[in-house]
């Protein structure tokens, strides 16, 4: 991580009750701040696209089709 590349970690938490303790331990060990970017919810339909929704945007996370549309 010394060649100018930028890296960010993306992870999920099992439930809200563990977030406060995790944030506290994170701050004790790292200077990098945490940012909540959304939450995981069950899709209403099996073929519904996977998206990230926050207060200002909706981003399709379905992935990249390397050989065209499936």
C-alpha atoms as a PDB file:
ATOM      1  CA  UNK A   1       0.000   0.000   0.000  1.00  0.00           C
ATOM      2  CA  UNK A   2       2.918   2.294  -0.649  1.00  0.00           C
ATOM      3  CA  UNK A   3       2.662   2.818  -4.393  1.00  0.00           C
ATOM      4  CA  UNK A   4      -0.047   5.477  -4.533  1.00  0.00           C
ATOM      5  CA  UNK A   5      -3.007   3.121  -4.638  1.00  0.00           C
ATOM      6  CA  UNK A   6      -6.039   4.082  -2.573  1.00  0.00           C
ATOM      7  CA  UNK A   7      -7.840   1.331  -0.697  1.00  0.00           C
ATOM      8  CA  UNK A   8     -11.037   1.332   1.298  1.00  0.00           C
ATOM      9  CA  UNK A   9     -12.655  -1.451   3.276  1.00  0.00           C
ATOM     10  CA  UNK A  10     -16.321  -2.300   2.862  1.00  0.00           C
ATOM     11  CA  UNK A  11     -17.973  -4.571   5.396  1.00  0.00           C
ATOM     12  CA  UNK A  12     -21.306  -5.291   7.028  1.00  0.00           C
ATOM     13  CA  UNK A  13     -22.383  -5.618  10.641  1.00  0.00           C
ATOM     14  CA  UNK A  14     -24.747  -8.331  11.869  1.00  0.00           C
ATOM     15  CA  UNK A  15     -27.000  -5.927  13.764  1.00  0.00           C
ATOM     16  CA  UNK A  16     -27.159  -2.388  15.136  1.00  0.00           C
ATOM     17  CA  UNK A  17     -26.476  -3.460  18.716  1.00  0.00           C
ATOM     18  CA  UNK A  18     -22.858  -4.302  17.833  1.00  0.00           C
ATOM     19  CA  UNK A  19     -22.107  -1.077  15.919  1.00  0.00           C
ATOM     20  CA  UNK A  20     -21.312   1.138  18.928  1.00  0.00           C
ATOM     21  CA  UNK A  21     -18.775  -1.280  20.391  1.00  0.00           C
ATOM     22  CA  UNK A  22     -17.169  -1.838  16.999  1.00  0.00           C
ATOM     23  CA  UNK A  23     -16.850   1.905  16.373  1.00  0.00           C
ATOM     24  CA  UNK A  24     -15.252   2.421  19.782  1.00  0.00           C
ATOM     25  CA  UNK A  25     -12.700  -0.362  19.260  1.00  0.00           C
ATOM     26  CA  UNK A  26     -11.974   0.902  15.725  1.00  0.00           C
ATOM     27  CA  UNK A  27     -11.223   4.426  17.012  1.00  0.00           C
ATOM     28  CA  UNK A  28      -8.869   2.980  19.640  1.00  0.00           C
ATOM     29  CA  UNK A  29      -6.792   1.230  16.950  1.00  0.00           C
ATOM     30  CA  UNK A  30      -7.034   3.363  13.784  1.00  0.00           C
ATOM     31  CA  UNK A  31      -7.021   7.026  12.745  1.00  0.00           C
ATOM     32  CA  UNK A  32      -9.189   6.327   9.681  1.00  0.00           C
ATOM     33  CA  UNK A  33     -12.833   7.304  10.287  1.00  0.00           C
ATOM     34  CA  UNK A  34     -15.740   4.946   9.635  1.00  0.00           C
ATOM     35  CA  UNK A  35     -18.601   5.954   7.344  1.00  0.00           C
ATOM     36  CA  UNK A  36     -21.966   4.231   7.212  1.00  0.00           C
ATOM     37  CA  UNK A  37     -23.005   4.066   3.547  1.00  0.00           C
ATOM     38  CA  UNK A  38     -26.245   2.125   3.828  1.00  0.00           C
ATOM     39  CA  UNK A  39     -27.886  -1.021   5.109  1.00  0.00           C
ATOM     40  CA  UNK A  40     -28.599  -4.496   3.797  1.00  0.00           C
ATOM     41  CA  UNK A  41     -32.254  -5.396   3.358  1.00  0.00           C
ATOM     42  CA  UNK A  42     -33.973  -8.407   1.829  1.00  0.00           C
ATOM     43  CA  UNK A  43     -35.033  -8.003  -1.788  1.00  0.00           C
ATOM     44  CA  UNK A  44     -38.788  -8.076  -2.351  1.00  0.00           C
ATOM     45  CA  UNK A  45     -38.412 -10.180  -5.532  1.00  0.00           C
ATOM     46  CA  UNK A  46     -35.774 -12.772  -6.465  1.00  0.00           C
ATOM     47  CA  UNK A  47     -34.840 -11.066  -9.754  1.00  0.00           C
ATOM     48  CA  UNK A  48     -34.789  -7.542  -8.301  1.00  0.00           C
ATOM     49  CA  UNK A  49     -31.367  -5.888  -8.866  1.00  0.00           C
ATOM     50  CA  UNK A  50     -28.956  -5.439  -5.967  1.00  0.00           C
ATOM     51  CA  UNK A  51     -28.648  -1.721  -5.201  1.00  0.00           C
ATOM     52  CA  UNK A  52     -27.106   0.615  -2.653  1.00  0.00           C
ATOM     53  CA  UNK A  53     -29.598   3.258  -1.592  1.00  0.00           C
ATOM     54  CA  UNK A  54     -28.723   6.247   0.572  1.00  0.00           C
ATOM     55  CA  UNK A  55     -30.256   9.668   1.122  1.00  0.00           C
ATOM     56  CA  UNK A  56     -28.991  11.090  -2.175  1.00  0.00           C
ATOM     57  CA  UNK A  57     -28.502   8.232  -4.649  1.00  0.00           C
ATOM     58  CA  UNK A  58     -29.325   4.720  -5.851  1.00  0.00           C
ATOM     59  CA  UNK A  59     -26.358   2.695  -7.183  1.00  0.00           C
ATOM     60  CA  UNK A  60     -26.753  -0.611  -9.014  1.00  0.00           C
ATOM     61  CA  UNK A  61     -24.349  -3.172  -7.467  1.00  0.00           C
ATOM     62  CA  UNK A  62     -25.389  -6.075  -9.675  1.00  0.00           C
ATOM     63  CA  UNK A  63     -21.913  -6.287 -11.214  1.00  0.00           C
ATOM     64  CA  UNK A  64     -20.173  -6.038 -14.541  1.00  0.00           C
ATOM     65  CA  UNK A  65     -21.013  -8.340 -17.450  1.00  0.00           C
ATOM     66  CA  UNK A  66     -17.598  -9.158 -18.961  1.00  0.00           C
ATOM     67  CA  UNK A  67     -19.015 -10.723 -22.136  1.00  0.00           C
ATOM     68  CA  UNK A  68     -22.043  -8.534 -22.735  1.00  0.00           C
ATOM     69  CA  UNK A  69     -25.493  -8.750 -21.229  1.00  0.00           C
ATOM     70  CA  UNK A  70     -26.441 -12.103 -19.687  1.00  0.00           C
END
